[in-house]
């Protein structure tokens, strides 16, 4: 949804309150999403309805090639659910899958239409933010972390949510995919080491 707020003023012009309206976001922009033409079993993950690992890997390689040819930077985010194994042990696999599905949709709706998010592993997602700086990537990471934490489900009367750890980096000109993934993975490990519900973004090697 989009939130719109406006002041309520008295006769003297003083603000005495506020109005808020929630308008459902139009899905017209979904046609421009990289995953808009995928189907289950053909690039789309059955559980999360996001691009699956193979499609995500292929898309990342294509994006890297395009960025190298046109000198257009992009940021890479590794997003992992915190303590998903503990949630599975206490609430069961179906509950874990339910919250995973909720987080997947939250992440997809939390990124810009031209950006990308796909499933990377059982508990990880990979997001690509196009044409962004380190500061832009940090802003995106913080937004996705907050949105994930605000998502919750009710399971057999219990209301619970999860947090995510987010690590990321920006592409260095001419670097191979393996190096980019290794640096983003290292940033994720640092975010997890901080106790979860944290973000850690590193710049390209030549970036101060």
Protein backbone atom coordinates (compact mmCIF):
# COMPACT_ATOMS: atom_id res chain seq x y z
CA UNK A 1 0.00 0.00 0.00
CA UNK A 2 0.89 3.64 -0.31
CA UNK A 3 0.42 5.79 2.76
CA UNK A 4 -0.70 9.40 2.41
CA UNK A 5 -0.86 11.76 5.39
CA UNK A 6 -2.19 15.28 5.72
CA UNK A 7 -2.64 17.80 8.54
CA UNK A 8 -5.94 18.83 10.11
CA UNK A 9 -5.93 22.53 11.05
CA UNK A 10 -8.20 24.67 13.18
CA UNK A 11 -9.58 28.05 12.16
CA UNK A 12 -6.33 29.73 13.18
CA UNK A 13 -4.25 27.42 11.00
CA UNK A 14 -2.76 25.39 13.86
CA UNK A 15 -2.28 21.68 13.32
CA UNK A 16 -4.64 19.81 15.64
CA UNK A 17 -4.52 16.37 14.07
CA UNK A 18 -3.71 14.36 11.01
CA UNK A 19 -5.41 12.13 8.48
CA UNK A 20 -3.93 9.00 6.98
CA UNK A 21 -5.17 7.04 3.98
CA UNK A 22 -3.92 3.70 2.74
CA UNK A 23 -4.21 3.09 -1.00
CA UNK A 24 -3.51 -0.33 -2.45
CA UNK A 25 -0.48 -0.17 -4.73
CA UNK A 26 -1.15 -0.69 -8.41
CA UNK A 27 0.39 -3.84 -9.86
CA UNK A 28 0.67 -2.34 -13.33
CA UNK A 29 4.45 -2.12 -12.93
CA UNK A 30 4.73 -5.89 -12.42
CA UNK A 31 5.03 -6.38 -16.18
CA UNK A 32 8.42 -4.73 -16.03
CA UNK A 33 9.74 -7.04 -13.31
CA UNK A 34 12.44 -9.51 -14.39
CA UNK A 35 10.35 -12.41 -13.06
CA UNK A 36 6.98 -11.36 -14.51
CA UNK A 37 6.88 -14.14 -17.13
CA UNK A 38 8.03 -17.02 -14.93
CA UNK A 39 5.83 -19.99 -14.02
CA UNK A 40 6.02 -22.77 -11.45
CA UNK A 41 8.56 -25.33 -12.56
CA UNK A 42 9.93 -22.91 -15.13
CA UNK A 43 12.08 -20.58 -13.08
CA UNK A 44 9.61 -19.90 -10.26
CA UNK A 45 10.07 -21.38 -6.78
CA UNK A 46 6.99 -23.33 -5.69
CA UNK A 47 7.11 -22.27 -2.03
CA UNK A 48 7.97 -18.58 -2.19
CA UNK A 49 6.69 -17.70 -5.69
CA UNK A 50 10.05 -15.98 -6.27
CA UNK A 51 12.59 -16.85 -8.97
CA UNK A 52 14.29 -20.08 -7.99
CA UNK A 53 18.01 -20.62 -7.44
CA UNK A 54 18.83 -21.54 -11.03
CA UNK A 55 17.01 -18.57 -12.51
CA UNK A 56 18.51 -16.24 -9.89
CA UNK A 57 22.00 -17.50 -10.68
CA UNK A 58 21.46 -17.02 -14.42
CA UNK A 59 19.94 -13.57 -13.99
CA UNK A 60 22.83 -12.48 -11.76
CA UNK A 61 25.37 -13.60 -14.36
CA UNK A 62 23.49 -11.74 -17.10
CA UNK A 63 23.22 -8.61 -14.97
CA UNK A 64 26.97 -8.75 -14.26
CA UNK A 65 27.74 -9.01 -17.96
CA UNK A 66 25.42 -6.11 -18.79
CA UNK A 67 26.88 -3.95 -16.01
CA UNK A 68 30.43 -4.63 -17.19
CA UNK A 69 29.61 -3.75 -20.79
CA UNK A 70 27.76 -0.53 -19.98
CA UNK A 71 29.61 0.54 -16.81
CA UNK A 72 26.40 0.55 -14.77
CA UNK A 73 26.95 -0.33 -11.10
CA UNK A 74 24.62 -2.50 -9.09
CA UNK A 75 24.41 -3.70 -5.53
CA UNK A 76 24.04 -7.26 -4.29
CA UNK A 77 22.26 -8.18 -1.05
CA UNK A 78 22.31 -11.55 0.70
CA UNK A 79 19.31 -11.82 3.03
CA UNK A 80 18.98 -14.63 5.56
CA UNK A 81 16.20 -15.38 8.03
CA UNK A 82 17.55 -15.41 11.57
CA UNK A 83 17.17 -18.61 13.60
CA UNK A 84 14.90 -20.36 11.10
CA UNK A 85 16.09 -23.71 12.44
CA UNK A 86 14.91 -22.78 15.93
CA UNK A 87 11.53 -21.69 14.58
CA UNK A 88 11.22 -25.00 12.74
CA UNK A 89 12.04 -26.95 15.89
CA UNK A 90 9.51 -25.07 18.04
CA UNK A 91 6.63 -24.52 15.61
CA UNK A 92 7.20 -27.13 12.90
CA UNK A 93 8.19 -27.13 9.25
CA UNK A 94 4.86 -25.83 7.99
CA UNK A 95 5.09 -22.76 10.23
CA UNK A 96 8.64 -22.11 9.02
CA UNK A 97 7.50 -22.38 5.41
CA UNK A 98 4.60 -20.03 6.10
CA UNK A 99 6.82 -17.28 7.52
CA UNK A 100 9.33 -17.88 4.71
CA UNK A 101 6.57 -17.28 2.20
CA UNK A 102 5.48 -14.08 3.98
CA UNK A 103 9.05 -12.75 4.06
CA UNK A 104 9.51 -13.59 0.37
CA UNK A 105 6.45 -11.54 -0.61
CA UNK A 106 7.48 -8.73 1.72
CA UNK A 107 10.92 -8.52 0.12
CA UNK A 108 9.51 -8.62 -3.39
CA UNK A 109 7.10 -5.80 -2.64
CA UNK A 110 9.76 -3.85 -0.76
CA UNK A 111 12.15 -3.42 -3.66
CA UNK A 112 11.80 -1.09 -6.62
CA UNK A 113 10.11 -2.57 -9.71
CA UNK A 114 13.34 -2.58 -11.72
CA UNK A 115 15.23 -4.43 -8.95
CA UNK A 116 15.26 -8.18 -8.41
CA UNK A 117 14.93 -10.65 -5.57
CA UNK A 118 15.11 -14.43 -5.82
CA UNK A 119 15.52 -17.48 -3.63
CA UNK A 120 19.15 -18.44 -3.04
CA UNK A 121 18.92 -21.30 -0.52
CA UNK A 122 16.52 -22.77 2.04
CA UNK A 123 16.78 -19.69 4.24
CA UNK A 124 18.42 -17.11 2.02
CA UNK A 125 17.34 -14.66 -0.64
CA UNK A 126 19.45 -12.69 -3.10
CA UNK A 127 18.49 -9.16 -4.14
CA UNK A 128 19.97 -7.05 -6.93
CA UNK A 129 19.59 -3.28 -6.74
CA UNK A 130 20.46 -1.64 -10.04
CA UNK A 131 22.45 1.55 -10.52
CA UNK A 132 23.10 2.22 -6.84
CA UNK A 133 25.92 3.42 -4.61
CA UNK A 134 27.03 2.01 -1.27
CA UNK A 135 24.79 4.51 0.54
CA UNK A 136 21.83 3.62 -1.68
CA UNK A 137 22.40 -0.07 -1.01
CA UNK A 138 22.55 0.49 2.74
CA UNK A 139 19.26 2.40 2.58
CA UNK A 140 17.65 -0.49 0.68
CA UNK A 141 19.06 -3.06 3.09
CA UNK A 142 17.77 -1.18 6.12
CA UNK A 143 14.33 -0.81 4.55
CA UNK A 144 14.07 -4.52 3.75
CA UNK A 145 15.26 -5.44 7.26
CA UNK A 146 12.55 -3.27 8.85
CA UNK A 147 9.84 -4.56 6.52
CA UNK A 148 10.78 -8.17 7.26
CA UNK A 149 10.68 -7.59 11.01
CA UNK A 150 7.22 -6.02 10.75
CA UNK A 151 5.84 -9.09 8.94
CA UNK A 152 4.14 -11.71 11.09
CA UNK A 153 1.85 -14.71 10.94
CA UNK A 154 -0.65 -16.28 13.32
CA UNK A 155 -0.01 -19.98 13.77
CA UNK A 156 -2.40 -22.02 15.92
CA UNK A 157 -3.22 -18.92 17.90
CA UNK A 158 0.40 -17.84 18.31
CA UNK A 159 1.46 -14.60 16.69
CA UNK A 160 5.11 -14.43 15.78
CA UNK A 161 7.58 -12.80 13.41
CA UNK A 162 11.20 -13.24 12.41
CA UNK A 163 14.14 -10.98 11.75
CA UNK A 164 16.64 -11.07 8.90
CA UNK A 165 20.33 -10.38 8.56
CA UNK A 166 21.40 -8.53 5.42
CA UNK A 167 24.87 -8.35 3.97
CA UNK A 168 25.76 -6.67 0.72
CA UNK A 169 28.26 -5.04 -1.54
CA UNK A 170 28.49 -3.12 -4.79
CA UNK A 171 30.05 -4.38 -7.98
CA UNK A 172 33.65 -3.49 -8.72
CA UNK A 173 34.36 -2.86 -12.43
CA UNK A 174 35.56 -6.00 -14.16
CA UNK A 175 35.40 -8.33 -11.17
CA UNK A 176 34.23 -11.94 -11.64
CA UNK A 177 30.98 -13.23 -10.20
CA UNK A 178 32.71 -15.52 -7.69
CA UNK A 179 34.53 -12.59 -6.08
CA UNK A 180 31.35 -10.53 -5.88
CA UNK A 181 29.44 -13.37 -4.23
CA UNK A 182 32.28 -14.07 -1.81
CA UNK A 183 32.35 -10.45 -0.67
CA UNK A 184 28.57 -10.29 -0.27
CA UNK A 185 28.63 -13.59 1.63
CA UNK A 186 31.31 -12.24 3.94
CA UNK A 187 29.18 -9.18 4.64
CA UNK A 188 26.24 -11.44 5.51
CA UNK A 189 28.40 -13.41 7.94
CA UNK A 190 29.35 -10.15 9.64
CA UNK A 191 25.69 -9.14 9.94
CA UNK A 192 24.83 -12.53 11.46
CA UNK A 193 27.79 -12.27 13.85
CA UNK A 194 26.30 -9.03 15.18
CA UNK A 195 23.41 -11.03 16.57
CA UNK A 196 20.95 -10.92 13.69
CA UNK A 197 18.43 -8.25 12.71
CA UNK A 198 21.41 -6.35 11.36
CA UNK A 199 22.82 -5.01 8.10
CA UNK A 200 26.42 -4.84 6.96
CA UNK A 201 27.40 -3.29 3.63
CA UNK A 202 30.89 -3.15 2.18
CA UNK A 203 32.05 -1.15 -0.80
CA UNK A 204 33.97 -2.35 -3.82
CA UNK A 205 37.70 -2.94 -3.13
CA UNK A 206 38.75 0.44 -4.51
CA UNK A 207 35.94 2.27 -2.69
CA UNK A 208 37.06 4.02 0.54
